[in-house]
C-alpha atoms as a PDB file:
ATOM      1  CA  MET A   1      -0.049  -0.026   0.011  1.00  0.00           C
ATOM      2  CA  LEU A   2       2.768   2.472   0.954  1.00  0.00           C
ATOM      3  CA  ARG A   3       4.746   1.720  -2.212  1.00  0.00           C
ATOM      4  CA  ALA A   4       1.504   2.185  -4.240  1.00  0.00           C
ATOM      5  CA  LEU A   5       1.021   5.549  -2.670  1.00  0.00           C
ATOM      6  CA  PHE A   6       4.527   6.587  -3.538  1.00  0.00           C
ATOM      7  CA  LEU A   7       4.197   5.468  -7.152  1.00  0.00           C
ATOM      8  CA  CYS A   8       0.985   7.447  -7.464  1.00  0.00           C
ATOM      9  CA  LEU A   9       2.731  10.576  -6.014  1.00  0.00           C
ATOM     10  CA  ALA A  10       5.502  10.035  -8.529  1.00  0.00           C
ATOM     11  CA  LEU A  11       3.589   9.073 -11.715  1.00  0.00           C
ATOM     12  CA  LEU A  12       0.028  10.474 -11.214  1.00  0.00           C
ATOM     13  CA  CYS A  13       0.002  13.226  -8.649  1.00  0.00           C
ATOM     14  CA  GLY A  14       3.300  14.758  -9.111  1.00  0.00           C
ATOM     15  CA  PRO A  15       6.574  14.593  -6.976  1.00  0.00           C
ATOM     16  CA  ALA A  16       6.435  13.637  -3.376  1.00  0.00           C
ATOM     17  CA  LEU A  17       7.877  17.126  -2.642  1.00  0.00           C
ATOM     18  CA  ALA A  18       7.514  20.207  -4.529  1.00  0.00           C
ATOM     19  CA  THR A  19      11.363  20.682  -4.463  1.00  0.00           C
ATOM     20  CA  GLU A  20      11.818  17.425  -6.340  1.00  0.00           C
ATOM     21  CA  ARG A  21      11.236  16.734 -10.090  1.00  0.00           C
ATOM     22  CA  TYR A  22      10.841  13.029  -9.505  1.00  0.00           C
ATOM     23  CA  GLY A  23       9.247  11.280  -6.519  1.00  0.00           C
ATOM     24  CA  ASP A  24      11.144   9.615  -3.852  1.00  0.00           C
ATOM     25  CA  TYR A  25      10.494   6.660  -1.365  1.00  0.00           C
ATOM     26  CA  ALA A  26      12.324   8.757   1.411  1.00  0.00           C
ATOM     27  CA  PRO A  27      12.018  12.340   0.448  1.00  0.00           C
ATOM     28  CA  VAL A  28      14.092  15.257   2.053  1.00  0.00           C
ATOM     29  CA  ASP A  29      13.258  18.879   1.928  1.00  0.00           C
ATOM     30  CA  PHE A  30      16.524  20.505   0.871  1.00  0.00           C
ATOM     31  CA  GLY A  31      14.891  24.013   1.145  1.00  0.00           C
ATOM     32  CA  PRO A  32      15.348  26.762  -1.560  1.00  0.00           C
ATOM     33  CA  HIS A  33      18.791  25.440  -2.650  1.00  0.00           C
ATOM     34  CA  GLY A  34      17.711  22.051  -3.353  1.00  0.00           C
ATOM     35  CA  PRO A  35      17.506  19.971  -6.507  1.00  0.00           C
ATOM     36  CA  SER A  36      14.536  21.979  -7.952  1.00  0.00           C
ATOM     37  CA  ARG A  37      16.968  24.687  -8.841  1.00  0.00           C
ATOM     38  CA  TYR A  38      18.519  22.677 -11.347  1.00  0.00           C
ATOM     39  CA  PRO A  39      16.644  21.820 -14.519  1.00  0.00           C
ATOM     40  CA  VAL A  40      18.884  18.916 -15.712  1.00  0.00           C
ATOM     41  CA  HIS A  41      18.135  15.704 -14.003  1.00  0.00           C
ATOM     42  CA  GLY A  42      19.663  12.193 -14.505  1.00  0.00           C
ATOM     43  CA  ILE A  43      20.094   8.826 -13.027  1.00  0.00           C
ATOM     44  CA  ASP A  44      22.894   6.253 -12.265  1.00  0.00           C
ATOM     45  CA  VAL A  45      21.996   2.625 -12.321  1.00  0.00           C
ATOM     46  CA  ALA A  46      23.451  -0.898 -11.886  1.00  0.00           C
ATOM     47  CA  ARG A  47      22.195  -4.479 -11.778  1.00  0.00           C
ATOM     48  CA  PHE A  48      20.116  -3.597  -8.614  1.00  0.00           C
ATOM     49  CA  GLN A  49      17.670  -1.771 -10.872  1.00  0.00           C
ATOM     50  CA  ASN A  50      16.932  -5.232 -12.735  1.00  0.00           C
ATOM     51  CA  GLU A  51      15.714  -4.756 -16.320  1.00  0.00           C
ATOM     52  CA  ILE A  52      14.986  -1.151 -17.040  1.00  0.00           C
ATOM     53  CA  ASP A  53      12.231   0.085 -19.381  1.00  0.00           C
ATOM     54  CA  TRP A  54      14.612   2.585 -21.026  1.00  0.00           C
ATOM     55  CA  ARG A  55      11.775   3.864 -23.293  1.00  0.00           C
ATOM     56  CA  ARG A  56       9.683   4.853 -20.344  1.00  0.00           C
ATOM     57  CA  THR A  57      12.604   6.248 -18.543  1.00  0.00           C
ATOM     58  CA  ALA A  58      13.820   8.250 -21.457  1.00  0.00           C
ATOM     59  CA  LEU A  59      10.253   9.626 -22.009  1.00  0.00           C
ATOM     60  CA  SER A  60      10.097  10.738 -18.463  1.00  0.00           C
ATOM     61  CA  GLY A  61      12.633  13.453 -19.157  1.00  0.00           C
ATOM     62  CA  VAL A  62      15.864  11.839 -17.789  1.00  0.00           C
ATOM     63  CA  ALA A  63      18.642  13.900 -19.348  1.00  0.00           C
ATOM     64  CA  PHE A  64      21.542  11.368 -18.784  1.00  0.00           C
ATOM     65  CA  ALA A  65      22.570   8.085 -17.193  1.00  0.00           C
ATOM     66  CA  PHE A  66      25.754   6.929 -15.595  1.00  0.00           C
ATOM     67  CA  ILE A  67      25.840   3.064 -15.860  1.00  0.00           C
ATOM     68  CA  LYS A  68      27.823   0.764 -13.768  1.00  0.00           C
ATOM     69  CA  ALA A  69      30.212  -1.258 -15.845  1.00  0.00           C
ATOM     70  CA  THR A  70      32.931  -2.808 -13.670  1.00  0.00           C
ATOM     71  CA  GLU A  71      34.234  -3.221 -10.158  1.00  0.00           C
ATOM     72  CA  GLY A  72      37.770  -4.033  -9.013  1.00  0.00           C
ATOM     73  CA  GLY A  73      39.690  -6.234 -11.591  1.00  0.00           C
ATOM     74  CA  ASP A  74      37.266  -8.912 -12.266  1.00  0.00           C
ATOM     75  CA  LEU A  75      33.586  -8.039 -11.783  1.00  0.00           C
ATOM     76  CA  LYS A  76      31.390  -6.861 -14.587  1.00  0.00           C
ATOM     77  CA  ASP A  77      27.878  -5.603 -13.783  1.00  0.00           C
ATOM     78  CA  ALA A  78      25.307  -8.271 -15.073  1.00  0.00           C
ATOM     79  CA  GLN A  79      23.028  -5.460 -16.537  1.00  0.00           C
ATOM     80  CA  PHE A  80      25.828  -3.256 -18.090  1.00  0.00           C
ATOM     81  CA  ASP A  81      25.648  -4.439 -21.750  1.00  0.00           C
ATOM     82  CA  ARG A  82      21.898  -4.334 -21.836  1.00  0.00           C
ATOM     83  CA  ASN A  83      21.766  -0.857 -20.112  1.00  0.00           C
ATOM     84  CA  TRP A  84      24.545   0.481 -22.353  1.00  0.00           C
ATOM     85  CA  GLN A  85      22.714  -0.531 -25.480  1.00  0.00           C
ATOM     86  CA  LEU A  86      19.183   0.418 -24.538  1.00  0.00           C
ATOM     87  CA  ALA A  87      20.086   3.895 -23.182  1.00  0.00           C
ATOM     88  CA  ALA A  88      21.722   4.906 -26.323  1.00  0.00           C
ATOM     89  CA  ARG A  89      18.973   3.265 -28.430  1.00  0.00           C
ATOM     90  CA  ASN A  90      16.454   5.432 -26.667  1.00  0.00           C
ATOM     91  CA  GLY A  91      18.451   8.742 -26.998  1.00  0.00           C
ATOM     92  CA  VAL A  92      19.649   9.038 -23.421  1.00  0.00           C
ATOM     93  CA  PRO A  93      23.389  10.196 -23.259  1.00  0.00           C
ATOM     94  CA  ARG A  94      25.215   7.622 -21.153  1.00  0.00           C
ATOM     95  CA  GLY A  95      28.437   7.183 -19.555  1.00  0.00           C
ATOM     96  CA  ALA A  96      30.045   4.082 -17.672  1.00  0.00           C
ATOM     97  CA  TYR A  97      31.522   3.845 -14.179  1.00  0.00           C
ATOM     98  CA  HIS A  98      33.943   1.812 -12.322  1.00  0.00           C
ATOM     99  CA  PHE A  99      33.637   1.086  -8.653  1.00  0.00           C
ATOM    100  CA  TYR A 100      37.267   1.124  -7.256  1.00  0.00           C
ATOM    101  CA  TYR A 101      38.604  -1.688  -5.136  1.00  0.00           C
ATOM    102  CA  PHE A 102      41.454  -1.023  -2.844  1.00  0.00           C
ATOM    103  CA  CYS A 103      42.879  -4.561  -2.935  1.00  0.00           C
ATOM    104  CA  THR A 104      43.601  -4.459  -6.748  1.00  0.00           C
ATOM    105  CA  PRO A 105      46.353  -2.459  -8.456  1.00  0.00           C
ATOM    106  CA  PRO A 106      44.965   0.639 -10.320  1.00  0.00           C
ATOM    107  CA  GLU A 107      46.524  -0.525 -13.590  1.00  0.00           C
ATOM    108  CA  VAL A 108      44.655  -3.789 -13.518  1.00  0.00           C
ATOM    109  CA  GLN A 109      41.422  -2.142 -12.757  1.00  0.00           C
ATOM    110  CA  ALA A 110      41.808   0.403 -15.530  1.00  0.00           C
ATOM    111  CA  GLN A 111      42.468  -2.453 -17.919  1.00  0.00           C
ATOM    112  CA  TRP A 112      39.399  -4.235 -16.722  1.00  0.00           C
ATOM    113  CA  PHE A 113      37.305  -1.124 -17.396  1.00  0.00           C
ATOM    114  CA  ILE A 114      38.778  -0.700 -20.846  1.00  0.00           C
ATOM    115  CA  GLN A 115      38.240  -4.433 -21.613  1.00  0.00           C
ATOM    116  CA  ASN A 116      34.487  -4.077 -20.883  1.00  0.00           C
ATOM    117  CA  VAL A 117      33.442  -0.640 -21.940  1.00  0.00           C
ATOM    118  CA  PRO A 118      33.231   0.003 -25.619  1.00  0.00           C
ATOM    119  CA  ARG A 119      35.022   2.896 -27.139  1.00  0.00           C
ATOM    120  CA  ARG A 120      32.798   3.045 -30.157  1.00  0.00           C
ATOM    121  CA  GLY A 121      29.713   5.049 -30.130  1.00  0.00           C
ATOM    122  CA  LYS A 122      29.016   8.379 -28.217  1.00  0.00           C
ATOM    123  CA  ALA A 123      29.391   8.493 -24.519  1.00  0.00           C
ATOM    124  CA  LEU A 124      29.936  10.848 -21.563  1.00  0.00           C
ATOM    125  CA  PRO A 125      33.271  10.696 -19.813  1.00  0.00           C
ATOM    126  CA  PRO A 126      34.018   7.688 -17.807  1.00  0.00           C
ATOM    127  CA  VAL A 127      33.551   7.817 -14.154  1.00  0.00           C
ATOM    128  CA  LEU A 128      35.724   6.605 -11.339  1.00  0.00           C
ATOM    129  CA  ASP A 129      33.768   5.857  -8.267  1.00  0.00           C
ATOM    130  CA  MET A 130      35.827   6.118  -5.155  1.00  0.00           C
ATOM    131  CA  GLU A 131      34.332   5.412  -1.815  1.00  0.00           C
ATOM    132  CA  TRP A 132      34.780   2.994   1.189  1.00  0.00           C
ATOM    133  CA  ASN A 133      33.123  -0.249   0.944  1.00  0.00           C
ATOM    134  CA  PRO A 134      32.477  -1.381   4.399  1.00  0.00           C
ATOM    135  CA  PHE A 135      30.258  -4.535   3.142  1.00  0.00           C
ATOM    136  CA  SER A 136      33.167  -5.973   1.156  1.00  0.00           C
ATOM    137  CA  PRO A 137      33.707  -9.612   2.393  1.00  0.00           C
ATOM    138  CA  THR A 138      37.452  -9.688   1.071  1.00  0.00           C
ATOM    139  CA  CYS A 139      38.772  -6.141   1.193  1.00  0.00           C
ATOM    140  CA  THR A 140      38.516  -3.805   4.016  1.00  0.00           C
ATOM    141  CA  VAL A 141      41.734  -1.809   3.380  1.00  0.00           C
ATOM    142  CA  ARG A 142      41.534   1.868   3.853  1.00  0.00           C
ATOM    143  CA  PRO A 143      44.780   3.396   2.522  1.00  0.00           C
ATOM    144  CA  PRO A 144      45.931   6.917   3.626  1.00  0.00           C
ATOM    145  CA  GLY A 145      44.858   9.881   1.566  1.00  0.00           C
ATOM    146  CA  ALA A 146      48.205  10.260  -0.338  1.00  0.00           C
ATOM    147  CA  GLU A 147      47.993   6.632  -1.581  1.00  0.00           C
ATOM    148  CA  VAL A 148      44.403   6.900  -2.375  1.00  0.00           C
ATOM    149  CA  ARG A 149      45.097  10.041  -4.564  1.00  0.00           C
ATOM    150  CA  ARG A 150      48.227   8.202  -6.235  1.00  0.00           C
ATOM    151  CA  GLN A 151      46.003   5.355  -7.162  1.00  0.00           C
ATOM    152  CA  ALA A 152      43.388   7.528  -8.553  1.00  0.00           C
ATOM    153  CA  GLN A 153      45.801   9.493 -10.643  1.00  0.00           C
ATOM    154  CA  ILE A 154      47.132   6.263 -12.180  1.00  0.00           C
ATOM    155  CA  PHE A 155      43.781   4.934 -13.099  1.00  0.00           C
ATOM    156  CA  LEU A 156      42.587   8.348 -14.465  1.00  0.00           C
ATOM    157  CA  ASP A 157      45.655   8.636 -16.710  1.00  0.00           C
ATOM    158  CA  ILE A 158      45.196   5.216 -18.201  1.00  0.00           C
ATOM    159  CA  VAL A 159      41.522   5.640 -18.934  1.00  0.00           C
ATOM    160  CA  GLU A 160      41.900   9.076 -20.233  1.00  0.00           C
ATOM    161  CA  ARG A 161      44.544   7.987 -22.739  1.00  0.00           C
ATOM    162  CA  TYR A 162      42.309   5.302 -24.020  1.00  0.00           C
ATOM    163  CA  TYR A 163      38.923   7.027 -24.353  1.00  0.00           C
ATOM    164  CA  GLY A 164      40.312  10.634 -25.043  1.00  0.00           C
ATOM    165  CA  GLN A 165      38.275  11.910 -22.115  1.00  0.00           C
ATOM    166  CA  ARG A 166      39.404  12.752 -18.504  1.00  0.00           C
ATOM    167  CA  PRO A 167      37.253  10.522 -16.171  1.00  0.00           C
ATOM    168  CA  ILE A 168      34.998  12.178 -13.576  1.00  0.00           C
ATOM    169  CA  ILE A 169      35.416  11.344  -9.973  1.00  0.00           C
ATOM    170  CA  TYR A 170      32.388  10.366  -8.022  1.00  0.00           C
ATOM    171  CA  THR A 171      32.776  10.217  -4.174  1.00  0.00           C
ATOM    172  CA  THR A 172      30.925  10.490  -0.868  1.00  0.00           C
ATOM    173  CA  PRO A 173      31.172  12.782   2.154  1.00  0.00           C
ATOM    174  CA  GLU A 174      33.150  10.509   4.370  1.00  0.00           C
ATOM    175  CA  PHE A 175      35.595   9.457   1.759  1.00  0.00           C
ATOM    176  CA  TYR A 176      36.144  13.152   0.602  1.00  0.00           C
ATOM    177  CA  GLU A 177      36.804  14.145   4.193  1.00  0.00           C
ATOM    178  CA  GLN A 178      39.148  11.130   5.066  1.00  0.00           C
ATOM    179  CA  THR A 179      41.145  11.036   1.914  1.00  0.00           C
ATOM    180  CA  GLY A 180      41.520  14.565   0.432  1.00  0.00           C
ATOM    181  CA  ILE A 181      40.341  13.240  -2.889  1.00  0.00           C
ATOM    182  CA  GLY A 182      39.124  16.737  -3.738  1.00  0.00           C
ATOM    183  CA  GLN A 183      42.706  17.937  -4.038  1.00  0.00           C
ATOM    184  CA  ILE A 184      43.184  16.117  -7.275  1.00  0.00           C
ATOM    185  CA  GLU A 185      43.276  18.876 -10.039  1.00  0.00           C
ATOM    186  CA  GLY A 186      42.124  18.841 -13.714  1.00  0.00           C
ATOM    187  CA  VAL A 187      39.078  16.654 -12.916  1.00  0.00           C
ATOM    188  CA  GLU A 188      35.323  17.230 -12.536  1.00  0.00           C
ATOM    189  CA  PHE A 189      33.527  16.015  -9.463  1.00  0.00           C
ATOM    190  CA  TRP A 190      30.184  14.241  -8.927  1.00  0.00           C
ATOM    191  CA  LEU A 191      29.283  14.332  -5.292  1.00  0.00           C
ATOM    192  CA  ARG A 192      26.846  12.470  -3.181  1.00  0.00           C
ATOM    193  CA  SER A 193      24.792  14.364  -0.681  1.00  0.00           C
ATOM    194  CA  VAL A 194      21.416  12.975   0.189  1.00  0.00           C
ATOM    195  CA  ALA A 195      20.602  14.979   3.399  1.00  0.00           C
ATOM    196  CA  LYS A 196      22.215  18.380   2.852  1.00  0.00           C
ATOM    197  CA  THR A 197      23.108  20.481  -0.139  1.00  0.00           C
ATOM    198  CA  PRO A 198      26.604  20.174  -1.543  1.00  0.00           C
ATOM    199  CA  ASP A 199      27.570  23.587  -0.345  1.00  0.00           C
ATOM    200  CA  GLN A 200      26.922  22.442   3.219  1.00  0.00           C
ATOM    201  CA  VAL A 201      28.712  19.116   3.003  1.00  0.00           C
ATOM    202  CA  TYR A 202      31.518  20.092   0.648  1.00  0.00           C
ATOM    203  CA  PRO A 203      32.113  23.759   1.398  1.00  0.00           C
ATOM    204  CA  GLY A 204      33.816  25.669  -1.441  1.00  0.00           C
ATOM    205  CA  LYS A 205      34.057  22.636  -3.812  1.00  0.00           C
ATOM    206  CA  ARG A 206      32.881  22.980  -7.326  1.00  0.00           C
ATOM    207  CA  TRP A 207      30.912  20.103  -8.754  1.00  0.00           C
ATOM    208  CA  THR A 208      29.450  19.026 -12.135  1.00  0.00           C
ATOM    209  CA  PHE A 209      26.993  16.447 -10.777  1.00  0.00           C
ATOM    210  CA  TRP A 210      25.115  16.111  -7.569  1.00  0.00           C
ATOM    211  CA  GLN A 211      23.564  12.881  -6.411  1.00  0.00           C
ATOM    212  CA  TYR A 212      20.764  14.028  -4.067  1.00  0.00           C
ATOM    213  CA  THR A 213      18.956  10.707  -3.548  1.00  0.00           C
ATOM    214  CA  GLY A 214      19.359   7.038  -3.689  1.00  0.00           C
ATOM    215  CA  THR A 215      15.648   6.307  -3.303  1.00  0.00           C
ATOM    216  CA  GLY A 216      14.151   8.260  -6.153  1.00  0.00           C
ATOM    217  CA  ILE A 217      11.163   7.039  -8.216  1.00  0.00           C
ATOM    218  CA  VAL A 218      11.603   7.282 -11.973  1.00  0.00           C
ATOM    219  CA  PRO A 219       9.318   5.774 -14.582  1.00  0.00           C
ATOM    220  CA  GLY A 220      10.488   2.487 -16.200  1.00  0.00           C
ATOM    221  CA  ILE A 221      12.687   1.524 -13.108  1.00  0.00           C
ATOM    222  CA  GLU A 222      11.448  -0.860 -10.369  1.00  0.00           C
ATOM    223  CA  GLY A 223      12.230   0.338  -6.866  1.00  0.00           C
ATOM    224  CA  GLY A 224      14.536   3.068  -5.671  1.00  0.00           C
ATOM    225  CA  VAL A 225      17.112   4.609  -7.963  1.00  0.00           C
ATOM    226  CA  ASP A 226      19.835   7.262  -7.683  1.00  0.00           C
ATOM    227  CA  ILE A 227      18.884  10.733  -9.096  1.00  0.00           C
ATOM    228  CA  ASN A 228      21.327  13.413  -9.971  1.00  0.00           C
ATOM    229  CA  VAL A 229      21.393  17.002 -11.242  1.00  0.00           C
ATOM    230  CA  PHE A 230      23.884  18.789 -13.401  1.00  0.00           C
ATOM    231  CA  ALA A 231      25.331  22.016 -12.013  1.00  0.00           C
ATOM    232  CA  GLY A 232      23.842  24.568 -14.406  1.00  0.00           C
ATOM    233  CA  SER A 233      21.106  25.615 -16.727  1.00  0.00           C
ATOM    234  CA  GLU A 234      19.771  24.007 -19.765  1.00  0.00           C
ATOM    235  CA  GLY A 235      22.037  26.015 -21.919  1.00  0.00           C
ATOM    236  CA  ASP A 236      24.924  25.049 -19.696  1.00  0.00           C
ATOM    237  CA  TRP A 237      24.086  21.444 -20.141  1.00  0.00           C
ATOM    238  CA  LYS A 238      23.953  21.766 -23.848  1.00  0.00           C
ATOM    239  CA  THR A 239      27.271  23.395 -23.866  1.00  0.00           C
ATOM    240  CA  TRP A 240      28.858  20.792 -21.464  1.00  0.00           C
ATOM    241  CA  LEU A 241      27.294  17.936 -23.565  1.00  0.00           C
ATOM    242  CA  GLY A 242      28.622  19.298 -26.875  1.00  0.00           C
ATOM    243  CA  ALA A 243      32.195  19.227 -25.252  1.00  0.00           C
ATOM    244  CA  HIS A 244      31.867  15.844 -23.421  1.00  0.00           C
ATOM    245  CA  TRP A 245      29.453  13.642 -25.394  1.00  0.00           C
ATOM    246  CA  LYS A 246      31.993  12.023 -27.743  1.00  0.00           C
END
């Protein structure tokens, strides 16, 4: 019954909060500086979303999608190929992301990503997802900040040389604070902040994408999904897309 109510709010009655473009199973009121300030909204997805109806998702107004491709040096997302192909087929600009694993050398991880993400066809910049993974059964290593940044630079350089685009870094508040990942220069950032606005969580840090919920409701996707905004106007988005959708 509760899920049906949220779906009604999202699909029939409008967003759960006036400040959100899409519905949310656990809505947060961000105030006047929340996601509604930004007209360009997109999603990031993985196997947890099962089989997405990309036609419905595209028609809902999703402007972009970041799709999980790989993790560590030997895991490929089971839904990646399907999501990669159908997002493009339905006109959704898409990019691939890699979830970093601190028990595998960065060179190995970069090559694993390259092995599994096609270079042909238009795509957004690759994404390096750097965050702690407390649920890993095999790797609980948390290197010091300098080592984290060193490994990130290696991955970024290898992937950039292959795809011709500097990867974006995705990160979380805890990881950002503990590792100084924001010190890396010459890279755009995609920041997670699901309870407060980025200026409150990452003071003074410029960002390109803001992941504002992990429990969003988007047509064509079962259950909750991550929703993000682009930091700019529709005109800014067209300019950014023109430079980065290659």
